[in-house]
PDB file of N, CA and C in Angstrom:
ATOM      1  N   MET A   1     110.605  79.358 107.231  1.00  0.00           N
ATOM      2  CA  MET A   1     110.411  81.849 106.614  1.00  0.00           C
ATOM      3  C   MET A   1     111.622  82.341 106.747  1.00  0.00           C
ATOM      4  N   PRO A   2     111.125  84.001 106.265  1.00  0.00           N
ATOM      5  CA  PRO A   2     112.785  84.435 104.732  1.00  0.00           C
ATOM      6  C   PRO A   2     112.690  85.248 106.046  1.00  0.00           C
ATOM      7  N   GLN A   3     113.674  85.626 105.681  1.00  0.00           N
ATOM      8  CA  GLN A   3     113.784  87.407 107.272  1.00  0.00           C
ATOM      9  C   GLN A   3     114.622  88.368 105.712  1.00  0.00           C
ATOM     10  N   TYR A   4     113.802  89.683 106.080  1.00  0.00           N
ATOM     11  CA  TYR A   4     113.949  90.577 105.122  1.00  0.00           C
ATOM     12  C   TYR A   4     114.755  91.240 105.389  1.00  0.00           C
ATOM     13  N   THR A   5     115.321  91.369 106.740  1.00  0.00           N
ATOM     14  CA  THR A   5     117.004  91.810 106.783  1.00  0.00           C
ATOM     15  C   THR A   5     117.958  91.589 107.358  1.00  0.00           C
ATOM     16  N   SER A   6     118.987  92.247 107.666  1.00  0.00           N
ATOM     17  CA  SER A   6     120.132  91.208 108.559  1.00  0.00           C
ATOM     18  C   SER A   6     120.811  92.034 109.261  1.00  0.00           C
ATOM     19  N   LYS A   7     121.325  91.437 109.765  1.00  0.00           N
ATOM     20  CA  LYS A   7     122.116  92.156 110.685  1.00  0.00           C
ATOM     21  C   LYS A   7     122.637  92.732 110.621  1.00  0.00           C
ATOM     22  N   ALA A   8     123.920  93.070 109.394  1.00  0.00           N
ATOM     23  CA  ALA A   8     124.025  94.459 108.638  1.00  0.00           C
ATOM     24  C   ALA A   8     123.315  95.304 107.533  1.00  0.00           C
ATOM     25  N   GLU A   9     122.181  95.259 107.525  1.00  0.00           N
ATOM     26  CA  GLU A   9     121.402  96.475 107.737  1.00  0.00           C
ATOM     27  C   GLU A   9     121.005  97.246 108.435  1.00  0.00           C
ATOM     28  N   MET A  10     120.378  95.819 109.798  1.00  0.00           N
ATOM     29  CA  MET A  10     120.506  96.816 111.275  1.00  0.00           C
ATOM     30  C   MET A  10     121.378  97.441 111.494  1.00  0.00           C
ATOM     31  N   GLN A  11     122.638  97.334 111.226  1.00  0.00           N
ATOM     32  CA  GLN A  11     123.929  97.925 111.584  1.00  0.00           C
ATOM     33  C   GLN A  11     124.646  99.548 110.965  1.00  0.00           C
ATOM     34  N   ARG A  12     124.052  99.194 109.476  1.00  0.00           N
ATOM     35  CA  ARG A  12     123.882 100.257 108.590  1.00  0.00           C
ATOM     36  C   ARG A  12     122.768 101.335 109.496  1.00  0.00           C
ATOM     37  N   LEU A  13     121.530 101.243 109.495  1.00  0.00           N
ATOM     38  CA  LEU A  13     120.542 101.952 110.950  1.00  0.00           C
ATOM     39  C   LEU A  13     121.039 102.256 111.654  1.00  0.00           C
ATOM     40  N   PHE A  14     121.177 100.931 112.625  1.00  0.00           N
ATOM     41  CA  PHE A  14     120.725 102.048 113.927  1.00  0.00           C
ATOM     42  C   PHE A  14     123.195 101.576 114.440  1.00  0.00           C
ATOM     43  N   SER A  15     123.482 101.119 113.756  1.00  0.00           N
ATOM     44  CA  SER A  15     125.151 101.042 114.377  1.00  0.00           C
ATOM     45  C   SER A  15     125.674  99.953 114.729  1.00  0.00           C
ATOM     46  N   ALA A  16     126.596  99.962 114.115  1.00  0.00           N
ATOM     47  CA  ALA A  16     127.072  98.788 114.866  1.00  0.00           C
ATOM     48  C   ALA A  16     127.457  98.546 116.688  1.00  0.00           C
ATOM     49  N   CYS A  17     128.024  99.636 116.763  1.00  0.00           N
ATOM     50  CA  CYS A  17     127.483 100.119 118.033  1.00  0.00           C
ATOM     51  C   CYS A  17     125.950  99.921 119.118  1.00  0.00           C
ATOM     52  N   GLY A  18     125.597 100.327 118.643  1.00  0.00           N
ATOM     53  CA  GLY A  18     123.800 100.443 118.942  1.00  0.00           C
ATOM     54  C   GLY A  18     123.179  99.262 118.760  1.00  0.00           C
ATOM     55  N   VAL A  19     123.977  98.529 117.636  1.00  0.00           N
ATOM     56  CA  VAL A  19     123.095  96.540 117.782  1.00  0.00           C
ATOM     57  C   VAL A  19     124.122  95.914 118.706  1.00  0.00           C
ATOM     58  N   ASN A  20     125.051  96.346 119.130  1.00  0.00           N
ATOM     59  CA  ASN A  20     125.785  95.402 119.824  1.00  0.00           C
ATOM     60  C   ASN A  20     125.866  96.075 121.030  1.00  0.00           C
ATOM     61  N   TYR A  21     125.542  96.930 122.006  1.00  0.00           N
ATOM     62  CA  TYR A  21     125.170  97.877 123.175  1.00  0.00           C
ATOM     63  C   TYR A  21     123.829  96.231 123.439  1.00  0.00           C
ATOM     64  N   ARG A  22     122.871  97.111 122.490  1.00  0.00           N
ATOM     65  CA  ARG A  22     121.297  96.110 123.042  1.00  0.00           C
ATOM     66  C   ARG A  22     121.733  95.105 122.539  1.00  0.00           C
ATOM     67  N   MET A  23     122.906  93.929 122.852  1.00  0.00           N
ATOM     68  CA  MET A  23     123.279  92.776 122.819  1.00  0.00           C
ATOM     69  C   MET A  23     123.613  92.004 123.685  1.00  0.00           C
ATOM     70  N   ASP A  24     124.940  92.923 123.981  1.00  0.00           N
ATOM     71  CA  ASP A  24     125.530  92.623 124.978  1.00  0.00           C
ATOM     72  C   ASP A  24     125.795  91.802 126.357  1.00  0.00           C
ATOM     73  N   ASP A  25     124.205  91.637 126.679  1.00  0.00           N
ATOM     74  CA  ASP A  25     124.274  91.155 128.111  1.00  0.00           C
ATOM     75  C   ASP A  25     123.965  89.198 127.247  1.00  0.00           C
ATOM     76  N   ALA A  26     123.612  88.871 125.797  1.00  0.00           N
ATOM     77  CA  ALA A  26     122.295  87.938 125.872  1.00  0.00           C
ATOM     78  C   ALA A  26     123.541  86.910 125.046  1.00  0.00           C
ATOM     79  N   ASP A  27     123.188  85.846 125.724  1.00  0.00           N
ATOM     80  CA  ASP A  27     123.692  84.605 126.289  1.00  0.00           C
ATOM     81  C   ASP A  27     124.230  83.718 123.976  1.00  0.00           C
ATOM     82  N   ASP A  28     122.987  84.452 123.055  1.00  0.00           N
ATOM     83  CA  ASP A  28     123.542  84.065 122.541  1.00  0.00           C
ATOM     84  C   ASP A  28     123.046  85.501 121.363  1.00  0.00           C
ATOM     85  N   PRO A  29     124.365  86.410 121.397  1.00  0.00           N
ATOM     86  CA  PRO A  29     123.784  86.873 120.831  1.00  0.00           C
ATOM     87  C   PRO A  29     123.343  87.260 119.056  1.00  0.00           C
ATOM     88  N   GLU A  30     123.438  86.465 118.582  1.00  0.00           N
ATOM     89  CA  GLU A  30     122.621  86.177 116.757  1.00  0.00           C
ATOM     90  C   GLU A  30     121.213  85.250 117.039  1.00  0.00           C
ATOM     91  N   ASP A  31     121.643  84.480 117.968  1.00  0.00           N
ATOM     92  CA  ASP A  31     119.720  84.440 118.186  1.00  0.00           C
ATOM     93  C   ASP A  31     119.181  85.675 119.011  1.00  0.00           C
ATOM     94  N   THR A  32     119.502  86.113 119.291  1.00  0.00           N
ATOM     95  CA  THR A  32     117.846  87.166 120.077  1.00  0.00           C
ATOM     96  C   THR A  32     118.310  88.091 119.338  1.00  0.00           C
ATOM     97  N   LEU A  33     119.273  88.146 118.249  1.00  0.00           N
ATOM     98  CA  LEU A  33     119.021  89.184 116.823  1.00  0.00           C
ATOM     99  C   LEU A  33     118.424  88.601 116.074  1.00  0.00           C
ATOM    100  N   ALA A  34     118.168  87.250 115.663  1.00  0.00           N
ATOM    101  CA  ALA A  34     117.151  86.686 115.204  1.00  0.00           C
ATOM    102  C   ALA A  34     116.353  86.824 115.582  1.00  0.00           C
ATOM    103  N   PHE A  35     115.738  86.636 116.414  1.00  0.00           N
ATOM    104  CA  PHE A  35     114.345  86.307 117.217  1.00  0.00           C
ATOM    105  C   PHE A  35     113.385  88.364 116.627  1.00  0.00           C
ATOM    106  N   PHE A  36     114.059  89.397 116.032  1.00  0.00           N
ATOM    107  CA  PHE A  36     114.062  90.357 116.114  1.00  0.00           C
ATOM    108  C   PHE A  36     114.066  90.301 114.990  1.00  0.00           C
ATOM    109  N   ILE A  37     114.562  89.883 113.459  1.00  0.00           N
ATOM    110  CA  ILE A  37     114.776  89.547 112.169  1.00  0.00           C
ATOM    111  C   ILE A  37     113.438  89.274 111.996  1.00  0.00           C
ATOM    112  N   ASP A  38     113.321  87.881 112.804  1.00  0.00           N
ATOM    113  CA  ASP A  38     111.589  86.999 112.770  1.00  0.00           C
ATOM    114  C   ASP A  38     110.888  87.858 112.530  1.00  0.00           C
ATOM    115  N   ASP A  39     110.692  88.330 113.805  1.00  0.00           N
ATOM    116  CA  ASP A  39     109.433  89.365 114.374  1.00  0.00           C
ATOM    117  C   ASP A  39     109.666  90.401 113.651  1.00  0.00           C
ATOM    118  N   ALA A  40     110.252  91.446 113.017  1.00  0.00           N
ATOM    119  CA  ALA A  40     109.844  92.251 111.853  1.00  0.00           C
ATOM    120  C   ALA A  40     109.443  92.027 110.575  1.00  0.00           C
ATOM    121  N   SER A  41     109.596  90.443 110.338  1.00  0.00           N
ATOM    122  CA  SER A  41     109.141  90.026 109.096  1.00  0.00           C
ATOM    123  C   SER A  41     108.446  88.931 108.760  1.00  0.00           C
ATOM    124  N   SER A  42     107.913  88.438 110.064  1.00  0.00           N
ATOM    125  CA  SER A  42     106.540  88.529 110.391  1.00  0.00           C
ATOM    126  C   SER A  42     105.687  89.505 109.654  1.00  0.00           C
ATOM    127  N   THR A  43     106.349  90.889 110.621  1.00  0.00           N
ATOM    128  CA  THR A  43     105.784  91.685 109.887  1.00  0.00           C
ATOM    129  C   THR A  43     104.567  91.571 109.251  1.00  0.00           C
ATOM    130  N   VAL A  44     105.739  92.070 108.753  1.00  0.00           N
ATOM    131  CA  VAL A  44     106.108  92.959 107.320  1.00  0.00           C
ATOM    132  C   VAL A  44     105.094  91.217 106.430  1.00  0.00           C
ATOM    133  N   ASP A  45     105.384  89.909 106.698  1.00  0.00           N
ATOM    134  CA  ASP A  45     104.682  88.678 106.130  1.00  0.00           C
ATOM    135  C   ASP A  45     103.042  88.699 106.232  1.00  0.00           C
ATOM    136  N   MET A  46     102.450  89.226 107.595  1.00  0.00           N
ATOM    137  CA  MET A  46     101.010  89.911 107.979  1.00  0.00           C
ATOM    138  C   MET A  46     100.314  90.597 106.985  1.00  0.00           C
ATOM    139  N   TYR A  47     100.852  91.789 106.609  1.00  0.00           N
ATOM    140  CA  TYR A  47     100.139  92.312 105.954  1.00  0.00           C
ATOM    141  C   TYR A  47     100.730  92.228 104.314  1.00  0.00           C
ATOM    142  N   ALA A  48     101.742  91.539 104.110  1.00  0.00           N
ATOM    143  CA  ALA A  48     101.459  91.697 102.367  1.00  0.00           C
ATOM    144  C   ALA A  48     101.758  90.230 101.614  1.00  0.00           C
ATOM    145  N   GLY A  49     101.701  89.244 103.242  1.00  0.00           N
ATOM    146  CA  GLY A  49     102.239  87.750 102.146  1.00  0.00           C
ATOM    147  C   GLY A  49     100.688  87.159 101.682  1.00  0.00           C
ATOM    148  N   GLN A  50      99.793  87.950 101.399  1.00  0.00           N
ATOM    149  CA  GLN A  50      98.071  87.294 101.539  1.00  0.00           C
ATOM    150  C   GLN A  50      98.462  88.070 100.195  1.00  0.00           C
ATOM    151  N   ILE A  51      99.179  89.010  99.889  1.00  0.00           N
ATOM    152  CA  ILE A  51      99.353  89.594  97.994  1.00  0.00           C
ATOM    153  C   ILE A  51      99.946  89.934  97.509  1.00  0.00           C
ATOM    154  N   TYR A  52     101.756  89.232  97.589  1.00  0.00           N
ATOM    155  CA  TYR A  52     102.352  89.112  97.595  1.00  0.00           C
ATOM    156  C   TYR A  52     102.951  87.753  97.522  1.00  0.00           C
ATOM    157  N   ASN A  53     103.821  87.341  96.761  1.00  0.00           N
ATOM    158  CA  ASN A  53     105.270  85.782  96.992  1.00  0.00           C
ATOM    159  C   ASN A  53     105.985  86.106  97.792  1.00  0.00           C
ATOM    160  N   GLN A  54     106.227  84.945  98.830  1.00  0.00           N
ATOM    161  CA  GLN A  54     107.246  85.337  99.847  1.00  0.00           C
ATOM    162  C   GLN A  54     108.604  85.681  98.758  1.00  0.00           C
ATOM    163  N   SER A  55     108.836  84.976  97.975  1.00  0.00           N
ATOM    164  CA  SER A  55     110.166  84.908  97.059  1.00  0.00           C
ATOM    165  C   SER A  55     110.220  86.207  96.045  1.00  0.00           C
ATOM    166  N   ASP A  56     108.735  86.710  96.344  1.00  0.00           N
ATOM    167  CA  ASP A  56     109.663  88.251  95.956  1.00  0.00           C
ATOM    168  C   ASP A  56     109.178  89.551  96.819  1.00  0.00           C
ATOM    169  N   LEU A  57     108.725  89.018  98.085  1.00  0.00           N
ATOM    170  CA  LEU A  57     109.558  90.051  99.213  1.00  0.00           C
ATOM    171  C   LEU A  57     110.526  89.980  99.717  1.00  0.00           C
ATOM    172  N   ASN A  58     111.078  89.076  99.931  1.00  0.00           N
ATOM    173  CA  ASN A  58     112.439  89.162  99.564  1.00  0.00           C
ATOM    174  C   ASN A  58     113.462  90.043  98.998  1.00  0.00           C
ATOM    175  N   THR A  59     113.072  89.737  97.333  1.00  0.00           N
ATOM    176  CA  THR A  59     113.857  90.282  96.834  1.00  0.00           C
ATOM    177  C   THR A  59     113.501  91.696  96.911  1.00  0.00           C
ATOM    178  N   SER A  60     112.577  92.402  97.760  1.00  0.00           N
ATOM    179  CA  SER A  60     112.214  93.543  97.281  1.00  0.00           C
ATOM    180  C   SER A  60     113.399  94.933  98.122  1.00  0.00           C
ATOM    181  N   GLN A  61     114.262  95.490  97.877  1.00  0.00           N
ATOM    182  CA  GLN A  61     114.485  97.226  98.133  1.00  0.00           C
ATOM    183  C   GLN A  61     113.469  97.129  98.838  1.00  0.00           C
ATOM    184  N   TRP A  62     112.523  97.805  98.808  1.00  0.00           N
ATOM    185  CA  TRP A  62     111.327  98.207  99.563  1.00  0.00           C
ATOM    186  C   TRP A  62     111.185  97.996 100.960  1.00  0.00           C
ATOM    187  N   VAL A  63     110.845  96.792 100.941  1.00  0.00           N
ATOM    188  CA  VAL A  63     110.035  95.315 101.707  1.00  0.00           C
ATOM    189  C   VAL A  63     111.583  95.508 102.644  1.00  0.00           C
ATOM    190  N   ARG A  64     112.819  94.784 101.935  1.00  0.00           N
ATOM    191  CA  ARG A  64     114.046  94.976 102.956  1.00  0.00           C
ATOM    192  C   ARG A  64     114.088  96.266 103.907  1.00  0.00           C
ATOM    193  N   ILE A  65     114.461  97.957 104.066  1.00  0.00           N
ATOM    194  CA  ILE A  65     114.205  98.562 103.736  1.00  0.00           C
ATOM    195  C   ILE A  65     113.487  99.099 105.191  1.00  0.00           C
ATOM    196  N   ARG A  66     111.820  98.537 105.048  1.00  0.00           N
ATOM    197  CA  ARG A  66     110.936  98.175 106.057  1.00  0.00           C
ATOM    198  C   ARG A  66     111.288  97.501 107.355  1.00  0.00           C
ATOM    199  N   ALA A  67     110.905  96.331 106.433  1.00  0.00           N
ATOM    200  CA  ALA A  67     112.143  95.698 107.865  1.00  0.00           C
ATOM    201  C   ALA A  67     112.940  96.831 108.544  1.00  0.00           C
ATOM    202  N   THR A  68     114.193  96.224 108.112  1.00  0.00           N
ATOM    203  CA  THR A  68     115.147  96.645 108.899  1.00  0.00           C
ATOM    204  C   THR A  68     114.722  97.842 110.140  1.00  0.00           C
ATOM    205  N   TRP A  69     113.780  99.391 109.415  1.00  0.00           N
ATOM    206  CA  TRP A  69     113.632  99.798 110.535  1.00  0.00           C
ATOM    207  C   TRP A  69     111.851  98.837 111.559  1.00  0.00           C
ATOM    208  N   LEU A  70     112.259  98.637 111.219  1.00  0.00           N
ATOM    209  CA  LEU A  70     111.203  97.753 112.405  1.00  0.00           C
ATOM    210  C   LEU A  70     112.095  96.342 113.543  1.00  0.00           C
ATOM    211  N   ALA A  71     112.490  96.315 112.955  1.00  0.00           N
ATOM    212  CA  ALA A  71     114.076  95.000 112.907  1.00  0.00           C
ATOM    213  C   ALA A  71     114.568  96.126 114.247  1.00  0.00           C
ATOM    214  N   CYS A  72     114.546  97.040 114.364  1.00  0.00           N
ATOM    215  CA  CYS A  72     115.893  98.258 114.727  1.00  0.00           C
ATOM    216  C   CYS A  72     114.957  98.811 116.452  1.00  0.00           C
ATOM    217  N   TYR A  73     113.586  99.471 115.436  1.00  0.00           N
ATOM    218  CA  TYR A  73     112.888  99.951 116.140  1.00  0.00           C
ATOM    219  C   TYR A  73     112.168  98.541 117.830  1.00  0.00           C
ATOM    220  N   LEU A  74     111.916  97.056 117.041  1.00  0.00           N
ATOM    221  CA  LEU A  74     112.086  95.987 118.136  1.00  0.00           C
ATOM    222  C   LEU A  74     112.902  96.445 118.749  1.00  0.00           C
ATOM    223  N   LEU A  75     113.913  96.455 118.664  1.00  0.00           N
ATOM    224  CA  LEU A  75     115.513  95.737 119.169  1.00  0.00           C
ATOM    225  C   LEU A  75     116.125  96.691 120.441  1.00  0.00           C
ATOM    226  N   SER A  76     116.317  97.838 119.802  1.00  0.00           N
ATOM    227  CA  SER A  76     115.753  99.217 120.487  1.00  0.00           C
ATOM    228  C   SER A  76     115.137  99.158 121.999  1.00  0.00           C
ATOM    229  N   GLN A  77     113.819  98.577 121.825  1.00  0.00           N
ATOM    230  CA  GLN A  77     113.071  98.606 123.229  1.00  0.00           C
ATOM    231  C   GLN A  77     113.598  97.311 124.669  1.00  0.00           C
ATOM    232  N   ARG A  78     114.727  96.789 123.969  1.00  0.00           N
ATOM    233  CA  ARG A  78     115.773  95.402 123.895  1.00  0.00           C
ATOM    234  C   ARG A  78     115.917  95.893 125.850  1.00  0.00           C
ATOM    235  N   MET A  79     115.943  95.679 127.239  1.00  0.00           N
ATOM    236  CA  MET A  79     116.574  95.244 128.689  1.00  0.00           C
ATOM    237  C   MET A  79     115.882  97.368 129.005  1.00  0.00           C
ATOM    238  N   GLY A  80     114.624  96.892 128.493  1.00  0.00           N
ATOM    239  CA  GLY A  80     113.622  97.948 129.318  1.00  0.00           C
ATOM    240  C   GLY A  80     113.756  99.440 128.419  1.00  0.00           C
ATOM    241  N   ASN A  81     114.691  99.862 127.441  1.00  0.00           N
ATOM    242  CA  ASN A  81     115.175 100.946 126.832  1.00  0.00           C
ATOM    243  C   ASN A  81     114.007 101.868 126.208  1.00  0.00           C
ATOM    244  N   PRO A  82     113.257 102.841 126.424  1.00  0.00           N
ATOM    245  CA  PRO A  82     112.331 102.937 125.398  1.00  0.00           C
ATOM    246  C   PRO A  82     112.662 103.785 124.362  1.00  0.00           C
ATOM    247  N   SER A  83     111.386 103.040 123.504  1.00  0.00           N
ATOM    248  CA  SER A  83     111.644 102.724 122.243  1.00  0.00           C
ATOM    249  C   SER A  83     112.195 103.978 120.979  1.00  0.00           C
ATOM    250  N   LEU A  84     113.036 104.016 120.120  1.00  0.00           N
ATOM    251  CA  LEU A  84     113.634 104.489 119.382  1.00  0.00           C
ATOM    252  C   LEU A  84     113.246 104.379 117.752  1.00  0.00           C
ATOM    253  N   PHE A  85     112.884 105.177 116.931  1.00  0.00           N
ATOM    254  CA  PHE A  85     112.497 105.332 115.853  1.00  0.00           C
ATOM    255  C   PHE A  85     110.716 105.026 115.565  1.00  0.00           C
ATOM    256  N   PHE A  86     109.924 105.155 116.753  1.00  0.00           N
ATOM    257  CA  PHE A  86     108.486 105.585 116.934  1.00  0.00           C
ATOM    258  C   PHE A  86     107.617 105.887 115.914  1.00  0.00           C
ATOM    259  N   ASN A  87     107.861 107.027 115.217  1.00  0.00           N
ATOM    260  CA  ASN A  87     107.975 107.440 114.126  1.00  0.00           C
ATOM    261  C   ASN A  87     107.935 106.935 112.988  1.00  0.00           C
ATOM    262  N   ARG A  88     108.773 106.392 112.845  1.00  0.00           N
ATOM    263  CA  ARG A  88     108.901 105.841 111.973  1.00  0.00           C
ATOM    264  C   ARG A  88     108.432 104.408 111.787  1.00  0.00           C
ATOM    265  N   TYR A  89     108.112 103.958 112.943  1.00  0.00           N
ATOM    266  CA  TYR A  89     107.237 102.328 113.113  1.00  0.00           C
ATOM    267  C   TYR A  89     106.256 102.434 112.642  1.00  0.00           C
ATOM    268  N   ASP A  90     105.749 103.779 113.035  1.00  0.00           N
ATOM    269  CA  ASP A  90     104.047 104.120 112.395  1.00  0.00           C
ATOM    270  C   ASP A  90     104.363 104.526 111.227  1.00  0.00           C
ATOM    271  N   GLN A  91     104.626 105.097 110.757  1.00  0.00           N
ATOM    272  CA  GLN A  91     104.914 105.354 109.871  1.00  0.00           C
ATOM    273  C   GLN A  91     104.659 103.464 108.585  1.00  0.00           C
ATOM    274  N   ILE A  92     105.324 102.878 109.145  1.00  0.00           N
ATOM    275  CA  ILE A  92     106.091 101.902 107.645  1.00  0.00           C
ATOM    276  C   ILE A  92     104.552 100.871 108.280  1.00  0.00           C
ATOM    277  N   LEU A  93     104.456 101.177 109.982  1.00  0.00           N
ATOM    278  CA  LEU A  93     102.523 100.518 109.784  1.00  0.00           C
ATOM    279  C   LEU A  93     101.428 101.137 108.569  1.00  0.00           C
ATOM    280  N   GLN A  94     101.023 102.061 109.229  1.00  0.00           N
ATOM    281  CA  GLN A  94     100.108 102.556 107.685  1.00  0.00           C
ATOM    282  C   GLN A  94     100.426 101.717 106.135  1.00  0.00           C
ATOM    283  N   GLU A  95     102.134 102.620 105.899  1.00  0.00           N
ATOM    284  CA  GLU A  95     102.698 101.576 104.700  1.00  0.00           C
ATOM    285  C   GLU A  95     101.875 100.721 104.556  1.00  0.00           C
ATOM    286  N   LEU A  96     101.630  99.581 105.919  1.00  0.00           N
ATOM    287  CA  LEU A  96     101.456  98.001 105.570  1.00  0.00           C
ATOM    288  C   LEU A  96     100.401  98.064 104.754  1.00  0.00           C
ATOM    289  N   GLN A  97      99.644  98.026 106.419  1.00  0.00           N
ATOM    290  CA  GLN A  97      98.011  98.610 105.702  1.00  0.00           C
ATOM    291  C   GLN A  97      97.468  98.976 105.233  1.00  0.00           C
ATOM    292  N   LYS A  98      98.548 100.089 104.485  1.00  0.00           N
ATOM    293  CA  LYS A  98      97.749 100.497 102.773  1.00  0.00           C
ATOM    294  C   LYS A  98      97.553  98.907 101.785  1.00  0.00           C
ATOM    295  N   VAL A  99      98.816  98.596 101.957  1.00  0.00           N
ATOM    296  CA  VAL A  99      99.559  97.657 101.171  1.00  0.00           C
ATOM    297  C   VAL A  99      98.937  96.835 101.516  1.00  0.00           C
ATOM    298  N   GLN A 100      97.908  96.247 103.041  1.00  0.00           N
ATOM    299  CA  GLN A 100      96.596  94.933 103.290  1.00  0.00           C
ATOM    300  C   GLN A 100      95.357  94.741 101.932  1.00  0.00           C
ATOM    301  N   GLN A 101      95.293  96.505 102.058  1.00  0.00           N
ATOM    302  CA  GLN A 101      94.292  97.146 101.852  1.00  0.00           C
ATOM    303  C   GLN A 101      94.308  97.319 100.249  1.00  0.00           C
ATOM    304  N   GLN A 102      95.776  97.249  99.253  1.00  0.00           N
ATOM    305  CA  GLN A 102      95.871  97.440  98.407  1.00  0.00           C
ATOM    306  C   GLN A 102      95.301  99.346  97.417  1.00  0.00           C
ATOM    307  N   GLN A 103      95.935  99.322  98.808  1.00  0.00           N
ATOM    308  CA  GLN A 103      95.618 100.847  98.332  1.00  0.00           C
ATOM    309  C   GLN A 103      97.591 101.345  98.109  1.00  0.00           C
ATOM    310  N   LEU A 104      98.540 100.963  98.122  1.00  0.00           N
ATOM    311  CA  LEU A 104      99.627 100.875  97.743  1.00  0.00           C
ATOM    312  C   LEU A 104     100.144  99.770  97.245  1.00  0.00           C
ATOM    313  N   PRO A 105     100.430  99.708  96.679  1.00  0.00           N
ATOM    314  CA  PRO A 105     101.823  98.231  95.248  1.00  0.00           C
ATOM    315  C   PRO A 105     103.032  98.358  96.306  1.00  0.00           C
ATOM    316  N   ILE A 106     103.176  98.010  96.113  1.00  0.00           N
ATOM    317  CA  ILE A 106     105.250  97.391  97.075  1.00  0.00           C
ATOM    318  C   ILE A 106     106.016  97.770  94.579  1.00  0.00           C
ATOM    319  N   PRO A 107     106.371  98.859  95.309  1.00  0.00           N
ATOM    320  CA  PRO A 107     107.654  99.101  93.989  1.00  0.00           C
ATOM    321  C   PRO A 107     107.643  98.271  93.784  1.00  0.00           C
ATOM    322  N   GLY A 108     107.752  97.887  91.920  1.00  0.00           N
ATOM    323  CA  GLY A 108     108.306  96.744  91.413  1.00  0.00           C
ATOM    324  C   GLY A 108     108.428  95.409  92.032  1.00  0.00           C
ATOM    325  N   LEU A 109     106.733  95.424  92.521  1.00  0.00           N
ATOM    326  CA  LEU A 109     106.658  93.622  92.577  1.00  0.00           C
ATOM    327  C   LEU A 109     105.042  93.269  91.803  1.00  0.00           C
ATOM    328  N   ALA A 110     105.445  92.261  91.369  1.00  0.00           N
ATOM    329  CA  ALA A 110     103.538  92.186  91.256  1.00  0.00           C
ATOM    330  C   ALA A 110     102.379  91.021  92.138  1.00  0.00           C
ATOM    331  N   THR A 111     102.069  91.356  92.147  1.00  0.00           N
ATOM    332  CA  THR A 111     100.460  90.877  92.550  1.00  0.00           C
ATOM    333  C   THR A 111      99.885  89.385  92.955  1.00  0.00           C
ATOM    334  N   SER A 112     100.012  88.410  94.094  1.00  0.00           N
ATOM    335  CA  SER A 112     100.139  87.231  93.313  1.00  0.00           C
ATOM    336  C   SER A 112      98.395  87.348  93.815  1.00  0.00           C
ATOM    337  N   VAL A 113      97.700  88.006  93.703  1.00  0.00           N
ATOM    338  CA  VAL A 113      95.911  88.176  93.699  1.00  0.00           C
ATOM    339  C   VAL A 113      95.461  88.705  92.574  1.00  0.00           C
ATOM    340  N   ASP A 114      94.826  89.023  92.248  1.00  0.00           N
ATOM    341  CA  ASP A 114      94.021  89.627  91.075  1.00  0.00           C
ATOM    342  C   ASP A 114      93.223  91.080  91.345  1.00  0.00           C
ATOM    343  N   MET A 115      93.619  91.830  90.768  1.00  0.00           N
ATOM    344  CA  MET A 115      93.097  93.473  91.381  1.00  0.00           C
ATOM    345  C   MET A 115      92.749  93.658  90.711  1.00  0.00           C
ATOM    346  N   VAL A 116      91.960  92.699  89.323  1.00  0.00           N
ATOM    347  CA  VAL A 116      91.266  93.967  88.818  1.00  0.00           C
ATOM    348  C   VAL A 116      88.983  93.515  89.394  1.00  0.00           C
ATOM    349  N   PRO A 117      88.637  94.805  88.981  1.00  0.00           N
ATOM    350  CA  PRO A 117      87.373  95.396  89.775  1.00  0.00           C
ATOM    351  C   PRO A 117      86.656  94.195  88.789  1.00  0.00           C
ATOM    352  N   THR A 118      85.766  93.670  90.326  1.00  0.00           N
ATOM    353  CA  THR A 118      85.023  92.206  89.799  1.00  0.00           C
ATOM    354  C   THR A 118      83.544  93.371  89.322  1.00  0.00           C
TER     355      THR A 118
END
């Protein structure tokens, strides 16, 4: 499964301290962080994976930015913390729903399905 974001991207958004603080008790911080990255990536795939090729999604800046926000939102809830970034998370889910309904094309990507009306 492709990962559409990375630890470095999450640290750019959330700060290195923000990411490290939420990972400081994990037995395997990299594995724990990969869990949130996988969750965010699978959320993007759930909405856009049927319309776009995964290799294209993997190279899209639009996808990478949104996956980073999703992963940071999910990570922010770790250890019982109140979630951060909820408004952005909600906006991204609305965008992804529009992508799924083919109302919002992902910039710069060709779809893997024919979008010509029949």
